[in-house]
PDB file of N, CA and C in Angstrom:
ATOM      1  N   MET A   1       0.855  -1.181   0.000  1.00  0.00           N
ATOM      2  CA  MET A   1       0.000   0.000   0.000  1.00  0.00           C
ATOM      3  C   MET A   1       0.893   1.234   0.000  1.00  0.00           C
ATOM      4  N   ALA A   2       0.516   2.262  -0.734  1.00  0.00           N
ATOM      5  CA  ALA A   2       1.311   3.472  -0.849  1.00  0.00           C
ATOM      6  C   ALA A   2       1.402   4.198   0.490  1.00  0.00           C
ATOM      7  N   LEU A   3       2.512   4.863   0.711  1.00  0.00           N
ATOM      8  CA  LEU A   3       2.727   5.620   1.933  1.00  0.00           C
ATOM      9  C   LEU A   3       1.617   6.656   2.115  1.00  0.00           C
ATOM     10  N   GLY A   4       1.081   6.744   3.323  1.00  0.00           N
ATOM     11  CA  GLY A   4       0.008   7.696   3.591  1.00  0.00           C
ATOM     12  C   GLY A   4      -1.367   7.179   3.219  1.00  0.00           C
ATOM     13  N   ARG A   5      -1.458   5.958   2.760  1.00  0.00           N
ATOM     14  CA  ARG A   5      -2.742   5.389   2.344  1.00  0.00           C
ATOM     15  C   ARG A   5      -3.212   4.270   3.278  1.00  0.00           C
ATOM     16  N   GLU A   6      -2.574   4.160   4.445  1.00  0.00           N
ATOM     17  CA  GLU A   6      -2.950   3.108   5.372  1.00  0.00           C
ATOM     18  C   GLU A   6      -4.374   3.347   5.867  1.00  0.00           C
ATOM     19  N   LEU A   7      -5.091   2.278   6.099  1.00  0.00           N
ATOM     20  CA  LEU A   7      -6.475   2.368   6.562  1.00  0.00           C
ATOM     21  C   LEU A   7      -6.540   2.197   8.074  1.00  0.00           C
ATOM     22  N   PRO A   8      -7.543   2.799   8.717  1.00  0.00           N
ATOM     23  CA  PRO A   8      -7.715   2.548  10.152  1.00  0.00           C
ATOM     24  C   PRO A   8      -8.130   1.106  10.393  1.00  0.00           C
ATOM     25  N   GLN A   9      -7.820   0.612  11.574  1.00  0.00           N
ATOM     26  CA  GLN A   9      -8.180  -0.752  11.970  1.00  0.00           C
ATOM     27  C   GLN A   9      -9.432  -0.691  12.832  1.00  0.00           C
ATOM     28  N   LEU A  10     -10.442  -1.477  12.481  1.00  0.00           N
ATOM     29  CA  LEU A  10     -11.676  -1.544  13.265  1.00  0.00           C
ATOM     30  C   LEU A  10     -11.429  -2.418  14.487  1.00  0.00           C
ATOM     31  N   LEU A  11     -11.581  -1.837  15.676  1.00  0.00           N
ATOM     32  CA  LEU A  11     -11.366  -2.572  16.916  1.00  0.00           C
ATOM     33  C   LEU A  11     -12.671  -3.095  17.506  1.00  0.00           C
ATOM     34  N   LYS A  12     -13.717  -2.292  17.400  1.00  0.00           N
ATOM     35  CA  LYS A  12     -15.002  -2.674  17.987  1.00  0.00           C
ATOM     36  C   LYS A  12     -16.108  -1.932  17.250  1.00  0.00           C
ATOM     37  N   GLN A  13     -17.219  -2.608  17.059  1.00  0.00           N
ATOM     38  CA  GLN A  13     -18.371  -2.007  16.381  1.00  0.00           C
ATOM     39  C   GLN A  13     -19.612  -2.241  17.239  1.00  0.00           C
ATOM     40  N   ARG A  14     -20.311  -1.144  17.565  1.00  0.00           N
ATOM     41  CA  ARG A  14     -21.526  -1.251  18.385  1.00  0.00           C
ATOM     42  C   ARG A  14     -22.702  -0.678  17.610  1.00  0.00           C
ATOM     43  N   LEU A  15     -23.720  -1.488  17.424  1.00  0.00           N
ATOM     44  CA  LEU A  15     -24.948  -1.044  16.777  1.00  0.00           C
ATOM     45  C   LEU A  15     -25.844  -0.452  17.861  1.00  0.00           C
ATOM     46  N   LEU A  16     -26.091   0.856  17.789  1.00  0.00           N
ATOM     47  CA  LEU A  16     -26.890   1.527  18.801  1.00  0.00           C
ATOM     48  C   LEU A  16     -28.354   1.634  18.421  1.00  0.00           C
ATOM     49  N   TYR A  17     -28.632   1.648  17.109  1.00  0.00           N
ATOM     50  CA  TYR A  17     -30.005   1.763  16.648  1.00  0.00           C
ATOM     51  C   TYR A  17     -30.140   1.052  15.319  1.00  0.00           C
ATOM     52  N   LYS A  18     -31.179   0.240  15.190  1.00  0.00           N
ATOM     53  CA  LYS A  18     -31.475  -0.413  13.911  1.00  0.00           C
ATOM     54  C   LYS A  18     -32.881  -0.015  13.532  1.00  0.00           C
ATOM     55  N   GLY A  19     -33.008   0.714  12.445  1.00  0.00           N
ATOM     56  CA  GLY A  19     -34.299   1.206  11.998  1.00  0.00           C
ATOM     57  C   GLY A  19     -34.668   0.693  10.628  1.00  0.00           C
ATOM     58  N   ARG A  20     -35.836   1.131  10.165  1.00  0.00           N
ATOM     59  CA  ARG A  20     -36.297   0.719   8.833  1.00  0.00           C
ATOM     60  C   ARG A  20     -35.470   1.354   7.728  1.00  0.00           C
ATOM     61  N   LYS A  21     -35.052   2.610   7.925  1.00  0.00           N
ATOM     62  CA  LYS A  21     -34.360   3.328   6.854  1.00  0.00           C
ATOM     63  C   LYS A  21     -32.877   3.533   7.097  1.00  0.00           C
ATOM     64  N   PHE A  22     -32.424   3.395   8.334  1.00  0.00           N
ATOM     65  CA  PHE A  22     -30.999   3.545   8.601  1.00  0.00           C
ATOM     66  C   PHE A  22     -30.634   2.877   9.921  1.00  0.00           C
ATOM     67  N   ASN A  23     -29.346   2.615  10.082  1.00  0.00           N
ATOM     68  CA  ASN A  23     -28.777   2.103  11.328  1.00  0.00           C
ATOM     69  C   ASN A  23     -27.768   3.116  11.835  1.00  0.00           C
ATOM     70  N   PHE A  24     -27.575   3.159  13.141  1.00  0.00           N
ATOM     71  CA  PHE A  24     -26.586   4.050  13.747  1.00  0.00           C
ATOM     72  C   PHE A  24     -25.631   3.207  14.569  1.00  0.00           C
ATOM     73  N   GLU A  25     -24.340   3.374  14.305  1.00  0.00           N
ATOM     74  CA  GLU A  25     -23.340   2.590  15.011  1.00  0.00           C
ATOM     75  C   GLU A  25     -22.192   3.472  15.470  1.00  0.00           C
ATOM     76  N   VAL A  26     -21.476   3.000  16.476  1.00  0.00           N
ATOM     77  CA  VAL A  26     -20.257   3.655  16.939  1.00  0.00           C
ATOM     78  C   VAL A  26     -19.127   2.656  16.746  1.00  0.00           C
ATOM     79  N   ASN A  27     -18.092   3.108  16.082  1.00  0.00           N
ATOM     80  CA  ASN A  27     -16.959   2.252  15.757  1.00  0.00           C
ATOM     81  C   ASN A  27     -15.712   2.750  16.479  1.00  0.00           C
ATOM     82  N   ARG A  28     -15.040   1.836  17.139  1.00  0.00           N
ATOM     83  CA  ARG A  28     -13.753   2.141  17.773  1.00  0.00           C
ATOM     84  C   ARG A  28     -12.680   1.816  16.750  1.00  0.00           C
ATOM     85  N   LEU A  29     -11.868   2.821  16.380  1.00  0.00           N
ATOM     86  CA  LEU A  29     -10.848   2.651  15.346  1.00  0.00           C
ATOM     87  C   LEU A  29      -9.466   2.951  15.899  1.00  0.00           C
ATOM     88  N   ARG A  30      -8.472   2.272  15.339  1.00  0.00           N
ATOM     89  CA  ARG A  30      -7.073   2.621  15.578  1.00  0.00           C
ATOM     90  C   ARG A  30      -6.544   3.181  14.266  1.00  0.00           C
ATOM     91  N   LEU A  31      -6.079   4.401  14.324  1.00  0.00           N
ATOM     92  CA  LEU A  31      -5.558   5.071  13.133  1.00  0.00           C
ATOM     93  C   LEU A  31      -4.139   4.605  12.840  1.00  0.00           C
ATOM     94  N   PRO A  32      -3.658   4.852  11.623  1.00  0.00           N
ATOM     95  CA  PRO A  32      -2.293   4.442  11.273  1.00  0.00           C
ATOM     96  C   PRO A  32      -1.228   5.024  12.211  1.00  0.00           C
ATOM     97  N   ASN A  33      -1.510   6.184  12.834  1.00  0.00           N
ATOM     98  CA  ASN A  33      -0.549   6.774  13.771  1.00  0.00           C
ATOM     99  C   ASN A  33      -0.690   6.191  15.178  1.00  0.00           C
ATOM    100  N   LYS A  34      -1.508   5.139  15.322  1.00  0.00           N
ATOM    101  CA  LYS A  34      -1.754   4.389  16.562  1.00  0.00           C
ATOM    102  C   LYS A  34      -2.733   5.074  17.515  1.00  0.00           C
ATOM    103  N   ALA A  35      -3.229   6.236  17.169  1.00  0.00           N
ATOM    104  CA  ALA A  35      -4.256   6.888  17.994  1.00  0.00           C
ATOM    105  C   ALA A  35      -5.557   6.107  17.861  1.00  0.00           C
ATOM    106  N   GLU A  36      -6.333   6.053  18.949  1.00  0.00           N
ATOM    107  CA  GLU A  36      -7.616   5.355  18.942  1.00  0.00           C
ATOM    108  C   GLU A  36      -8.720   6.336  19.262  1.00  0.00           C
ATOM    109  N   GLY A  37      -9.905   6.063  18.717  1.00  0.00           N
ATOM    110  CA  GLY A  37     -11.049   6.919  18.989  1.00  0.00           C
ATOM    111  C   GLY A  37     -12.329   6.277  18.518  1.00  0.00           C
ATOM    112  N   ASP A  38     -13.440   6.887  18.904  1.00  0.00           N
ATOM    113  CA  ASP A  38     -14.767   6.424  18.506  1.00  0.00           C
ATOM    114  C   ASP A  38     -15.299   7.316  17.397  1.00  0.00           C
ATOM    115  N   TRP A  39     -15.842   6.700  16.352  1.00  0.00           N
ATOM    116  CA  TRP A  39     -16.440   7.418  15.236  1.00  0.00           C
ATOM    117  C   TRP A  39     -17.869   6.933  15.055  1.00  0.00           C
ATOM    118  N   GLU A  40     -18.792   7.882  14.998  1.00  0.00           N
ATOM    119  CA  GLU A  40     -20.194   7.545  14.769  1.00  0.00           C
ATOM    120  C   GLU A  40     -20.435   7.392  13.271  1.00  0.00           C
ATOM    121  N   CYS A  41     -21.349   6.485  12.944  1.00  0.00           N
ATOM    122  CA  CYS A  41     -21.626   6.218  11.540  1.00  0.00           C
ATOM    123  C   CYS A  41     -23.111   5.921  11.351  1.00  0.00           C
ATOM    124  N   VAL A  42     -23.715   6.571  10.384  1.00  0.00           N
ATOM    125  CA  VAL A  42     -25.088   6.270   9.988  1.00  0.00           C
ATOM    126  C   VAL A  42     -25.002   5.441   8.719  1.00  0.00           C
ATOM    127  N   ARG A  43     -25.519   4.235   8.773  1.00  0.00           N
ATOM    128  CA  ARG A  43     -25.540   3.351   7.598  1.00  0.00           C
ATOM    129  C   ARG A  43     -26.909   3.469   6.954  1.00  0.00           C
ATOM    130  N   HIS A  44     -26.904   3.750   5.675  1.00  0.00           N
ATOM    131  CA  HIS A  44     -28.129   3.995   4.918  1.00  0.00           C
ATOM    132  C   HIS A  44     -28.053   3.177   3.638  1.00  0.00           C
ATOM    133  N   PRO A  45     -29.167   2.581   3.215  1.00  0.00           N
ATOM    134  CA  PRO A  45     -29.106   1.726   2.032  1.00  0.00           C
ATOM    135  C   PRO A  45     -28.855   2.474   0.736  1.00  0.00           C
ATOM    136  N   GLY A  46     -28.944   3.777   0.764  1.00  0.00           N
ATOM    137  CA  GLY A  46     -28.702   4.556  -0.445  1.00  0.00           C
ATOM    138  C   GLY A  46     -29.975   5.177  -0.975  1.00  0.00           C
ATOM    139  N   GLY A  47     -29.844   5.920  -1.985  1.00  0.00           N
ATOM    140  CA  GLY A  47     -30.978   6.598  -2.585  1.00  0.00           C
ATOM    141  C   GLY A  47     -30.601   7.065  -3.974  1.00  0.00           C
ATOM    142  N   ALA A  48     -31.533   7.689  -4.611  1.00  0.00           N
ATOM    143  CA  ALA A  48     -31.298   8.222  -5.953  1.00  0.00           C
ATOM    144  C   ALA A  48     -31.662   9.693  -5.950  1.00  0.00           C
ATOM    145  N   LEU A  49     -30.885  10.473  -6.631  1.00  0.00           N
ATOM    146  CA  LEU A  49     -31.126  11.910  -6.720  1.00  0.00           C
ATOM    147  C   LEU A  49     -31.313  12.281  -8.182  1.00  0.00           C
ATOM    148  N   ALA A  50     -32.404  12.921  -8.454  1.00  0.00           N
ATOM    149  CA  ALA A  50     -32.643  13.466  -9.790  1.00  0.00           C
ATOM    150  C   ALA A  50     -32.606  14.985  -9.663  1.00  0.00           C
ATOM    151  N   ILE A  51     -31.857  15.622 -10.522  1.00  0.00           N
ATOM    152  CA  ILE A  51     -31.810  17.086 -10.498  1.00  0.00           C
ATOM    153  C   ILE A  51     -32.650  17.577 -11.671  1.00  0.00           C
ATOM    154  N   PRO A  52     -33.887  17.978 -11.351  1.00  0.00           N
ATOM    155  CA  PRO A  52     -34.771  18.431 -12.427  1.00  0.00           C
ATOM    156  C   PRO A  52     -34.374  19.823 -12.922  1.00  0.00           C
ATOM    157  N   VAL A  53     -34.270  19.929 -14.243  1.00  0.00           N
ATOM    158  CA  VAL A  53     -33.915  21.191 -14.885  1.00  0.00           C
ATOM    159  C   VAL A  53     -35.011  21.524 -15.890  1.00  0.00           C
ATOM    160  N   THR A  54     -35.514  22.741 -15.815  1.00  0.00           N
ATOM    161  CA  THR A  54     -36.568  23.154 -16.751  1.00  0.00           C
ATOM    162  C   THR A  54     -35.971  23.406 -18.127  1.00  0.00           C
ATOM    163  N   GLN A  55     -36.819  23.611 -19.092  1.00  0.00           N
ATOM    164  CA  GLN A  55     -36.351  23.895 -20.456  1.00  0.00           C
ATOM    165  C   GLN A  55     -35.593  25.219 -20.532  1.00  0.00           C
ATOM    166  N   TYR A  56     -35.719  26.040 -19.477  1.00  0.00           N
ATOM    167  CA  TYR A  56     -35.025  27.331 -19.429  1.00  0.00           C
ATOM    168  C   TYR A  56     -33.736  27.260 -18.608  1.00  0.00           C
ATOM    169  N   GLY A  57     -33.360  26.041 -18.194  1.00  0.00           N
ATOM    170  CA  GLY A  57     -32.122  25.859 -17.452  1.00  0.00           C
ATOM    171  C   GLY A  57     -32.225  26.142 -15.957  1.00  0.00           C
ATOM    172  N   LYS A  58     -33.428  26.263 -15.434  1.00  0.00           N
ATOM    173  CA  LYS A  58     -33.611  26.518 -14.009  1.00  0.00           C
ATOM    174  C   LYS A  58     -33.767  25.189 -13.265  1.00  0.00           C
ATOM    175  N   LEU A  59     -33.193  25.145 -12.055  1.00  0.00           N
ATOM    176  CA  LEU A  59     -33.294  23.947 -11.217  1.00  0.00           C
ATOM    177  C   LEU A  59     -34.577  23.995 -10.396  1.00  0.00           C
ATOM    178  N   ILE A  60     -35.138  22.824 -10.139  1.00  0.00           N
ATOM    179  CA  ILE A  60     -36.348  22.729  -9.324  1.00  0.00           C
ATOM    180  C   ILE A  60     -35.975  22.173  -7.956  1.00  0.00           C
ATOM    181  N   LEU A  61     -36.341  22.903  -6.895  1.00  0.00           N
ATOM    182  CA  LEU A  61     -36.102  22.486  -5.523  1.00  0.00           C
ATOM    183  C   LEU A  61     -37.432  22.381  -4.791  1.00  0.00           C
ATOM    184  N   LEU A  62     -37.454  21.524  -3.777  1.00  0.00           N
ATOM    185  CA  LEU A  62     -38.631  21.376  -2.932  1.00  0.00           C
ATOM    186  C   LEU A  62     -38.342  21.994  -1.578  1.00  0.00           C
ATOM    187  N   ARG A  63     -39.347  22.595  -0.974  1.00  0.00           N
ATOM    188  CA  ARG A  63     -39.218  23.092   0.391  1.00  0.00           C
ATOM    189  C   ARG A  63     -39.762  21.988   1.289  1.00  0.00           C
ATOM    190  N   GLN A  64     -38.861  21.343   2.045  1.00  0.00           N
ATOM    191  CA  GLN A  64     -39.200  20.160   2.820  1.00  0.00           C
ATOM    192  C   GLN A  64     -38.981  20.426   4.304  1.00  0.00           C
ATOM    193  N   TYR A  65     -39.979  20.092   5.137  1.00  0.00           N
ATOM    194  CA  TYR A  65     -39.813  20.231   6.582  1.00  0.00           C
ATOM    195  C   TYR A  65     -38.895  19.133   7.102  1.00  0.00           C
ATOM    196  N   ARG A  66     -37.932  19.503   7.931  1.00  0.00           N
ATOM    197  CA  ARG A  66     -37.005  18.556   8.552  1.00  0.00           C
ATOM    198  C   ARG A  66     -37.005  18.780  10.057  1.00  0.00           C
ATOM    199  N   PHE A  67     -37.456  17.765  10.785  1.00  0.00           N
ATOM    200  CA  PHE A  67     -37.559  17.848  12.235  1.00  0.00           C
ATOM    201  C   PHE A  67     -36.218  18.196  12.883  1.00  0.00           C
ATOM    202  N   ALA A  68     -35.132  17.599  12.384  1.00  0.00           N
ATOM    203  CA  ALA A  68     -33.810  17.770  12.988  1.00  0.00           C
ATOM    204  C   ALA A  68     -33.351  19.224  13.021  1.00  0.00           C
ATOM    205  N   VAL A  69     -33.766  20.013  12.055  1.00  0.00           N
ATOM    206  CA  VAL A  69     -33.367  21.424  12.032  1.00  0.00           C
ATOM    207  C   VAL A  69     -34.496  22.343  12.482  1.00  0.00           C
ATOM    208  N   GLY A  70     -35.663  21.751  12.752  1.00  0.00           N
ATOM    209  CA  GLY A  70     -36.784  22.542  13.246  1.00  0.00           C
ATOM    210  C   GLY A  70     -37.328  23.526  12.231  1.00  0.00           C
ATOM    211  N   GLY A  71     -37.237  23.179  10.972  1.00  0.00           N
ATOM    212  CA  GLY A  71     -37.735  24.078   9.946  1.00  0.00           C
ATOM    213  C   GLY A  71     -37.682  23.435   8.574  1.00  0.00           C
ATOM    214  N   ARG A  72     -37.873  24.263   7.594  1.00  0.00           N
ATOM    215  CA  ARG A  72     -37.877  23.784   6.217  1.00  0.00           C
ATOM    216  C   ARG A  72     -36.536  24.056   5.543  1.00  0.00           C
ATOM    217  N   LEU A  73     -36.158  23.139   4.659  1.00  0.00           N
ATOM    218  CA  LEU A  73     -34.936  23.260   3.870  1.00  0.00           C
ATOM    219  C   LEU A  73     -35.297  23.176   2.396  1.00  0.00           C
ATOM    220  N   LEU A  74     -34.475  23.773   1.565  1.00  0.00           N
ATOM    221  CA  LEU A  74     -34.622  23.596   0.124  1.00  0.00           C
ATOM    222  C   LEU A  74     -33.806  22.379  -0.279  1.00  0.00           C
ATOM    223  N   GLU A  75     -34.454  21.439  -0.991  1.00  0.00           N
ATOM    224  CA  GLU A  75     -33.801  20.190  -1.365  1.00  0.00           C
ATOM    225  C   GLU A  75     -34.182  19.794  -2.782  1.00  0.00           C
ATOM    226  N   PHE A  76     -33.289  19.022  -3.401  1.00  0.00           N
ATOM    227  CA  PHE A  76     -33.663  18.351  -4.642  1.00  0.00           C
ATOM    228  C   PHE A  76     -34.548  17.169  -4.279  1.00  0.00           C
ATOM    229  N   PRO A  77     -35.452  16.760  -5.175  1.00  0.00           N
ATOM    230  CA  PRO A  77     -36.253  15.562  -4.900  1.00  0.00           C
ATOM    231  C   PRO A  77     -35.337  14.341  -4.804  1.00  0.00           C
ATOM    232  N   VAL A  78     -35.618  13.460  -3.832  1.00  0.00           N
ATOM    233  CA  VAL A  78     -34.796  12.271  -3.620  1.00  0.00           C
ATOM    234  C   VAL A  78     -35.703  11.062  -3.476  1.00  0.00           C
ATOM    235  N   GLN A  79     -35.262   9.929  -3.982  1.00  0.00           N
ATOM    236  CA  GLN A  79     -35.970   8.672  -3.796  1.00  0.00           C
ATOM    237  C   GLN A  79     -35.097   7.773  -2.940  1.00  0.00           C
ATOM    238  N   VAL A  80     -35.599   7.383  -1.767  1.00  0.00           N
ATOM    239  CA  VAL A  80     -34.864   6.513  -0.855  1.00  0.00           C
ATOM    240  C   VAL A  80     -35.373   5.095  -1.023  1.00  0.00           C
ATOM    241  N   ARG A  81     -34.443   4.143  -1.039  1.00  0.00           N
ATOM    242  CA  ARG A  81     -34.828   2.739  -1.155  1.00  0.00           C
ATOM    243  C   ARG A  81     -35.541   2.262   0.071  1.00  0.00           C
TER     244      ARG A  81
END
């Protein structure tokens, strides 16, 4: 492996939440410099993003309410598996 391209070593993996659309886990990693730490990870099956463009070259966005931010965000339409 090329210098500087070493991967962290997974020491422990804890699944904290298993849901219908995503899982949440905390992973204990050892970095190539031997430092250790916990990294949170959301595992999601993926989705598809279509960027709708009108015949005039304008993008179409949706105003979507998101509980996590307590308000609405502008987003492209997304299809989640």
